[in-house]
Amino acid sequence: MKPIRMIWTFVLGMALLLSGCSLQNGAAAPEKQRLKIGIMLSDVGLGDQSFSDAAFAGLLKAQEDFDIFFDYRELAASKTYDQGLKELVEEGNDVVIGLGFMVKDSLEKIAKTYPDKTFLLIDEVSDLPNIVSLTFKEDEGSYLAGLVAGMKTTSNVVGFIGGMDVPIIRKFEKGFIAGVKAANPNAGVISEFAGDFGKAELGAQIAGRMFEQGKADIVYAAAGFTGTGALQEAQKRGKLAIGVDSDQFFLAEKAVLTSMLKNVDVSIYSAVKTFKEQQKFPQRQLQFGLKENGVGLAPIRVLPMTQQEEQRLETLKQQMLSGGIQ
C-alpha cells in the first residue's frame, strides 16, 4: 500500500472508531431504534482521496447530525462485492448502499435475493423496484473545469485522463471538452483511458506522455487513485492539473489549479436525511447537479484568475444554473 493511502486509511479509520461506529470485526451492537446504514465502498476503498473517502465523510456527518449507525465493507476485505453486500444486509441495515457503477451487478443480484430490503446505488441507474438510484451531472462540473483549463492553457493543448472507457467517464470527458472549447476555441483536448482506477503509477505515465509527446500543459484526471499519479506527475514536470471528486490540491500543491467537486458526501448526507425523516425514499431516482450542490469547483489556486476570467466563469456558471447551457 502506498504511504499516502496508508495515512488516509489510518485517519479515516480513527475517525470511525472515535465517532462510535463499529468496524467490520465488530464493536458493541447499536440500539435497535437507530437508523442503520451499510455501505459497500468502491474498488480502491478508503484512502483513495476521492470517491470512497468522500462517501465515508458524508456518512460520518450524517451519523453526527442524525444519530444513525453505519458500517462499511471494502473489497480488499470482503474479496467480492457480493459477499460484502450480503454481510451488510444480514447485519440488519435499513439501507444498503453500493458505491460506484462497478457495484451495480452485485447490488442487483443481492437486491433480488432480498426484495424487502432497501438499496441505494450511487453513480448508476437500476430498474429494480427496491433499488433507489443516485446519480450526478458530472458533465456540468467538468464543463466548469474545462472553462478553467481553456482559459489557462498557453500551449492550446490540454489532456483528459479517464479511469475506464465507460459511459459515466465519457460524461466527464464530454463536459470538459465543451468547457475548454467555450473558453478557448483554439484549444484542443487529447484523451486517454487508463483502464484502471487504482494505479497511481499508470496515471503518472499517461500524464507524462501527454506533457512530453502531446505538448499538453494541463491535464484533468477523472480516474480515482490513478488520477493522483497524474497530478503528481504534473507537479514533477512543472505543469498544471485539475483534480476530481474532492479538493485534491494537497496532493500536488504546486500543480493543482482546481478540482471538479463531485460532492458524494453531500448527496449521501442528503439521501440519509430524507430516509431518516420519511422512513423511505420518495423517489426512485435522485440526481445531483450544479443546482443541487452535487457538483462544482474547488478554489482556484496556483495560477490566479484575472478579473475578466472570473467574470466569464461566473457568467457561464449562472447560465448553466438558469438552464441556458445544456
Protein backbone atom coordinates (compact mmCIF):
# COMPACT_ATOMS: atom_id res chain seq x y z
CA MET A 1 0.00 0.00 0.00
CA LYS A 2 1.31 3.46 -0.90
CA PRO A 3 2.31 5.59 2.14
CA ILE A 4 -0.25 8.32 1.42
CA ARG A 5 -3.05 5.75 1.21
CA MET A 6 -1.89 4.21 4.48
CA ILE A 7 -2.12 7.62 6.16
CA TRP A 8 -5.60 8.25 4.83
CA THR A 9 -6.82 4.81 5.80
CA PHE A 10 -5.47 5.33 9.33
CA VAL A 11 -7.04 8.79 9.68
CA LEU A 12 -10.44 7.67 8.42
CA GLY A 13 -10.32 4.51 10.47
CA MET A 14 -9.60 6.52 13.61
CA ALA A 15 -12.46 8.87 12.78
CA LEU A 16 -14.76 5.88 12.61
CA LEU A 17 -13.56 4.50 15.91
CA LEU A 18 -13.80 7.83 17.71
CA SER A 19 -17.28 8.52 16.38
CA GLY A 20 -18.65 5.29 17.75
CA CYS A 21 -19.14 3.26 14.57
CA SER A 22 -18.41 -0.43 14.60
CA LEU A 23 -15.68 -1.81 12.42
CA GLN A 24 -16.03 -4.94 10.37
CA ASN A 25 -14.56 -7.07 13.13
CA GLY A 26 -17.28 -5.86 15.47
CA ALA A 27 -18.00 -3.40 18.24
CA ALA A 28 -21.00 -3.03 20.50
CA ALA A 29 -24.33 -3.56 18.77
CA PRO A 30 -26.25 -0.35 18.03
CA GLU A 31 -29.57 0.45 19.61
CA LYS A 32 -32.43 -1.03 17.60
CA GLN A 33 -34.25 2.27 17.13
CA ARG A 34 -31.28 3.90 15.39
CA LEU A 35 -31.32 4.01 11.62
CA LYS A 36 -28.70 1.59 10.30
CA ILE A 37 -26.85 2.23 7.05
CA GLY A 38 -24.41 -0.16 5.39
CA ILE A 39 -22.13 0.82 2.51
CA MET A 40 -20.04 -1.27 0.12
CA LEU A 41 -17.21 1.06 -0.88
CA SER A 42 -15.82 1.34 -4.40
CA ASP A 43 -12.94 -0.80 -5.61
CA VAL A 44 -9.97 1.07 -4.11
CA GLY A 45 -11.70 1.66 -0.78
CA LEU A 46 -10.64 4.04 1.97
CA GLY A 47 -7.57 6.11 1.24
CA ASP A 48 -8.44 6.74 -2.42
CA GLN A 49 -8.50 10.52 -1.70
CA SER A 50 -11.58 10.52 -3.89
CA PHE A 51 -14.87 8.64 -4.10
CA SER A 52 -14.78 6.29 -1.11
CA ASP A 53 -13.28 8.86 1.23
CA ALA A 54 -15.98 11.39 0.28
CA ALA A 55 -18.78 8.86 0.83
CA PHE A 56 -17.31 7.95 4.21
CA ALA A 57 -17.16 11.62 5.20
CA GLY A 58 -20.82 12.09 4.28
CA LEU A 59 -21.88 9.18 6.47
CA LEU A 60 -19.76 10.43 9.37
CA LYS A 61 -21.54 13.79 9.19
CA ALA A 62 -24.95 12.09 8.93
CA GLN A 63 -24.10 9.99 11.97
CA GLU A 64 -23.16 13.08 13.94
CA ASP A 65 -26.26 15.06 12.94
CA PHE A 66 -28.92 12.35 12.86
CA ASP A 67 -27.72 9.78 15.40
CA ILE A 68 -27.53 6.99 12.84
CA PHE A 69 -25.31 3.92 12.91
CA PHE A 70 -23.31 2.87 9.87
CA ASP A 71 -20.94 0.13 8.88
CA TYR A 72 -18.92 -0.48 5.73
CA ARG A 73 -17.14 -3.09 3.66
CA GLU A 74 -14.09 -2.82 1.43
CA LEU A 75 -13.31 -5.10 -1.49
CA ALA A 76 -9.88 -5.85 -0.05
CA ALA A 77 -11.56 -7.50 2.95
CA SER A 78 -14.75 -9.00 1.51
CA LYS A 79 -12.99 -10.21 -1.69
CA THR A 80 -16.20 -9.79 -3.72
CA TYR A 81 -18.90 -7.16 -3.86
CA ASP A 82 -21.49 -9.93 -3.47
CA GLN A 83 -20.05 -11.05 -0.15
CA GLY A 84 -19.68 -7.54 1.26
CA LEU A 85 -23.23 -6.58 0.32
CA LYS A 86 -24.65 -9.83 1.69
CA GLU A 87 -22.92 -9.26 5.02
CA LEU A 88 -24.34 -5.73 5.25
CA VAL A 89 -27.86 -6.99 4.53
CA GLU A 90 -27.60 -9.79 7.08
CA GLU A 91 -26.40 -7.31 9.71
CA GLY A 92 -29.89 -5.80 9.56
CA ASN A 93 -29.06 -2.46 7.95
CA ASP A 94 -32.15 -0.48 6.95
CA VAL A 95 -30.46 0.80 3.80
CA VAL A 96 -27.55 -0.84 1.98
CA ILE A 97 -25.52 1.40 -0.34
CA GLY A 98 -23.50 0.26 -3.32
CA LEU A 99 -20.87 2.89 -4.16
CA GLY A 100 -19.89 3.18 -7.81
CA PHE A 101 -21.03 1.80 -11.14
CA MET A 102 -18.89 -1.32 -10.77
CA VAL A 103 -21.04 -2.45 -7.84
CA LYS A 104 -24.26 -2.43 -9.89
CA ASP A 105 -24.38 -6.08 -10.98
CA SER A 106 -23.70 -7.38 -7.49
CA LEU A 107 -26.15 -4.97 -5.88
CA GLU A 108 -28.89 -6.06 -8.26
CA LYS A 109 -28.16 -9.71 -7.52
CA ILE A 110 -28.39 -9.16 -3.77
CA ALA A 111 -31.46 -6.92 -4.15
CA LYS A 112 -33.30 -9.72 -5.96
CA THR A 113 -32.39 -12.11 -3.15
CA TYR A 114 -33.71 -9.67 -0.53
CA PRO A 115 -36.72 -8.00 -2.22
CA ASP A 116 -37.97 -6.45 1.04
CA LYS A 117 -34.71 -4.59 1.68
CA THR A 118 -34.00 -1.03 0.52
CA PHE A 119 -30.85 -0.40 -1.52
CA LEU A 120 -29.19 2.78 -2.78
CA LEU A 121 -26.99 2.65 -5.89
CA ILE A 122 -24.54 5.52 -6.30
CA ASP A 123 -23.40 6.54 -9.79
CA GLU A 124 -25.58 4.15 -11.78
CA VAL A 125 -29.26 3.52 -12.54
CA SER A 126 -31.18 0.34 -11.78
CA ASP A 127 -34.73 -0.63 -12.74
CA LEU A 128 -35.27 -2.91 -9.76
CA PRO A 129 -38.12 -1.69 -7.51
CA ASN A 130 -36.14 -1.90 -4.26
CA ILE A 131 -33.09 0.00 -5.58
CA VAL A 132 -33.01 3.80 -5.50
CA SER A 133 -30.53 5.28 -7.97
CA LEU A 134 -28.43 8.34 -7.12
CA THR A 135 -26.54 9.96 -9.99
CA PHE A 136 -24.64 13.16 -10.70
CA LYS A 137 -24.41 15.63 -13.55
CA GLU A 138 -20.68 15.13 -13.95
CA ASP A 139 -20.74 16.93 -17.29
CA GLU A 140 -21.81 20.17 -15.57
CA GLY A 141 -18.92 20.13 -13.11
CA SER A 142 -16.49 19.06 -15.82
CA TYR A 143 -17.70 21.91 -18.02
CA LEU A 144 -16.56 24.36 -15.33
CA ALA A 145 -13.22 22.56 -15.08
CA GLY A 146 -12.89 22.81 -18.86
CA LEU A 147 -13.52 26.55 -18.75
CA VAL A 148 -10.62 26.98 -16.33
CA ALA A 149 -8.34 24.78 -18.44
CA GLY A 150 -9.28 26.61 -21.63
CA MET A 151 -8.55 29.97 -20.06
CA LYS A 152 -5.22 28.96 -18.54
CA THR A 153 -3.58 26.83 -21.23
CA THR A 154 -0.70 28.50 -23.02
CA SER A 155 0.09 25.62 -25.38
CA ASN A 156 -3.55 25.32 -26.50
CA VAL A 157 -3.39 21.60 -25.72
CA VAL A 158 -4.91 20.06 -22.59
CA GLY A 159 -5.31 16.44 -21.60
CA PHE A 160 -8.13 14.32 -20.21
CA ILE A 161 -7.37 11.05 -18.38
CA GLY A 162 -10.27 8.70 -17.69
CA GLY A 163 -10.14 5.74 -15.34
CA MET A 164 -12.12 3.48 -17.66
CA ASP A 165 -13.80 3.98 -21.02
CA VAL A 166 -17.36 3.70 -19.72
CA PRO A 167 -20.40 5.97 -20.19
CA ILE A 168 -20.07 7.75 -16.86
CA ILE A 169 -16.43 8.70 -17.50
CA ARG A 170 -17.37 9.79 -21.01
CA LYS A 171 -19.73 12.28 -19.31
CA PHE A 172 -16.70 13.81 -17.58
CA GLU A 173 -14.84 13.97 -20.87
CA LYS A 174 -17.76 15.44 -22.82
CA GLY A 175 -18.35 18.25 -20.33
CA PHE A 176 -14.65 19.02 -20.06
CA ILE A 177 -14.18 19.29 -23.84
CA ALA A 178 -17.25 21.54 -24.12
CA GLY A 179 -15.88 23.83 -21.40
CA VAL A 180 -12.42 24.03 -22.96
CA LYS A 181 -13.90 24.92 -26.35
CA ALA A 182 -16.28 27.50 -24.87
CA ALA A 183 -13.38 29.30 -23.18
CA ASN A 184 -10.81 28.84 -25.94
CA PRO A 185 -11.96 27.70 -29.41
CA ASN A 186 -8.31 27.32 -30.47
CA ALA A 187 -7.52 24.74 -27.78
CA GLY A 188 -7.55 21.00 -28.36
CA VAL A 189 -8.12 18.13 -25.94
CA ILE A 190 -6.26 14.81 -26.06
CA SER A 191 -7.87 11.93 -24.19
CA GLU A 192 -6.67 8.58 -22.87
CA PHE A 193 -8.34 5.95 -20.71
CA ALA A 194 -6.22 4.10 -18.19
CA GLY A 195 -8.46 1.07 -17.78
CA ASP A 196 -7.93 1.18 -14.01
CA PHE A 197 -8.92 3.44 -11.11
CA GLY A 198 -6.31 2.19 -8.66
CA LYS A 199 -2.84 2.65 -10.17
CA ALA A 200 -1.17 5.99 -9.47
CA GLU A 201 1.94 4.98 -11.42
CA LEU A 202 -0.18 4.38 -14.53
CA GLY A 203 -1.72 7.83 -14.24
CA ALA A 204 1.75 9.32 -13.99
CA GLN A 205 2.86 7.51 -17.16
CA ILE A 206 -0.15 8.69 -19.16
CA ALA A 207 0.23 12.28 -17.96
CA GLY A 208 3.93 12.17 -18.80
CA ARG A 209 3.15 11.17 -22.39
CA MET A 210 0.59 13.95 -22.69
CA PHE A 211 3.05 16.54 -21.44
CA GLU A 212 6.02 15.32 -23.45
CA GLN A 213 4.55 13.97 -26.68
CA GLY A 214 1.20 15.71 -26.80
CA LYS A 215 2.53 19.09 -25.68
CA ALA A 216 -0.28 19.47 -23.16
CA ASP A 217 0.31 21.87 -20.30
CA ILE A 218 -2.77 20.95 -18.20
CA VAL A 219 -4.34 17.55 -17.50
CA TYR A 220 -7.72 16.75 -15.98
CA ALA A 221 -7.85 13.29 -14.44
CA ALA A 222 -11.21 11.60 -13.76
CA ALA A 223 -9.54 8.39 -12.68
CA GLY A 224 -9.71 7.92 -8.92
CA PHE A 225 -6.39 6.87 -7.37
CA THR A 226 -4.91 6.52 -10.87
CA GLY A 227 -5.51 10.23 -11.28
CA THR A 228 -3.43 11.13 -8.23
CA GLY A 229 -0.37 9.93 -10.13
CA ALA A 230 -1.22 12.32 -12.95
CA LEU A 231 -1.45 15.25 -10.54
CA GLN A 232 1.91 14.44 -9.01
CA GLU A 233 3.49 13.97 -12.43
CA ALA A 234 2.25 17.44 -13.40
CA GLN A 235 3.96 18.90 -10.35
CA LYS A 236 7.15 16.99 -11.08
CA ARG A 237 7.29 18.45 -14.60
CA GLY A 238 6.25 21.98 -13.69
CA LYS A 239 2.88 21.59 -15.42
CA LEU A 240 -0.70 22.08 -14.23
CA ALA A 241 -3.52 19.70 -13.35
CA ILE A 242 -7.16 19.59 -12.33
CA GLY A 243 -8.31 17.13 -9.67
CA VAL A 244 -11.63 15.32 -9.36
CA ASP A 245 -14.34 14.32 -6.87
CA SER A 246 -12.78 16.13 -3.88
CA ASP A 247 -10.41 19.07 -3.49
CA GLN A 248 -7.12 17.38 -4.39
CA PHE A 249 -4.92 20.46 -4.03
CA PHE A 250 -2.96 18.96 -1.13
CA LEU A 251 -1.76 16.10 -3.38
CA ALA A 252 0.26 18.44 -5.60
CA GLU A 253 0.15 21.97 -4.25
CA LYS A 254 2.33 23.45 -6.98
CA ALA A 255 0.26 21.97 -9.80
CA VAL A 256 -3.44 21.61 -8.96
CA LEU A 257 -5.32 24.59 -10.36
CA THR A 258 -8.68 23.42 -9.04
CA SER A 259 -10.71 20.23 -8.73
CA MET A 260 -14.09 19.24 -10.10
CA LEU A 261 -16.04 18.54 -6.95
CA LYS A 262 -18.39 15.60 -7.15
CA ASN A 263 -19.99 16.03 -3.79
CA VAL A 264 -20.64 12.41 -2.92
CA ASP A 265 -20.60 13.40 0.75
CA VAL A 266 -23.34 16.00 0.21
CA SER A 267 -25.53 13.62 -1.80
CA ILE A 268 -25.24 10.71 0.62
CA TYR A 269 -25.87 13.01 3.57
CA SER A 270 -28.97 14.38 1.82
CA ALA A 271 -30.24 10.89 0.96
CA VAL A 272 -29.79 9.64 4.54
CA LYS A 273 -31.53 12.77 5.87
CA THR A 274 -34.50 12.13 3.58
CA PHE A 275 -34.77 8.48 4.60
CA LYS A 276 -34.40 9.34 8.27
CA GLU A 277 -37.23 11.89 8.09
CA GLN A 278 -39.61 9.96 5.86
CA GLN A 279 -38.62 6.35 6.58
CA LYS A 280 -38.42 5.84 2.82
CA PHE A 281 -37.08 7.37 -0.38
CA PRO A 282 -39.94 9.30 -2.03
CA GLN A 283 -38.31 8.98 -5.45
CA ARG A 284 -36.61 6.07 -7.17
CA GLN A 285 -34.09 8.33 -8.90
CA LEU A 286 -32.12 11.13 -7.25
CA GLN A 287 -29.94 13.39 -9.37
CA PHE A 288 -27.44 15.97 -8.15
CA GLY A 289 -26.05 18.66 -10.42
CA LEU A 290 -24.72 22.18 -10.03
CA LYS A 291 -28.10 23.47 -8.80
CA GLU A 292 -28.30 20.79 -6.08
CA ASN A 293 -24.67 21.32 -4.98
CA GLY A 294 -23.88 17.87 -6.33
CA VAL A 295 -21.01 19.16 -8.46
CA GLY A 296 -18.87 22.29 -8.51
CA LEU A 297 -15.32 23.64 -8.42
CA ALA A 298 -12.78 23.78 -5.62
CA PRO A 299 -10.98 27.10 -5.08
CA ILE A 300 -8.74 28.12 -7.97
CA ARG A 301 -5.14 28.30 -6.85
CA VAL A 302 -1.55 28.23 -8.21
CA LEU A 303 -2.37 30.44 -11.20
CA PRO A 304 -4.89 33.09 -10.12
CA MET A 305 -7.72 34.06 -12.45
CA THR A 306 -7.83 37.56 -13.86
CA GLN A 307 -10.89 39.67 -13.13
CA GLN A 308 -12.05 39.16 -16.71
CA GLU A 309 -11.65 35.38 -16.42
CA GLU A 310 -13.54 35.31 -13.12
CA GLN A 311 -16.40 37.27 -14.66
CA ARG A 312 -16.52 34.96 -17.68
CA LEU A 313 -16.53 31.87 -15.47
CA GLU A 314 -19.30 33.25 -13.24
CA THR A 315 -21.40 34.32 -16.23
CA LEU A 316 -21.27 30.86 -17.79
CA LYS A 317 -21.93 29.22 -14.42
CA GLN A 318 -25.06 31.33 -13.94
CA GLN A 319 -26.19 30.50 -17.47
CA MET A 320 -25.90 26.82 -16.61
CA LEU A 321 -27.87 27.29 -13.38
CA SER A 322 -30.63 29.06 -15.27
CA GLY A 323 -30.81 26.34 -17.90
CA GLY A 324 -29.21 28.42 -20.63
CA ILE A 325 -26.40 25.88 -21.12
CA GLN A 326 -27.23 22.20 -21.52
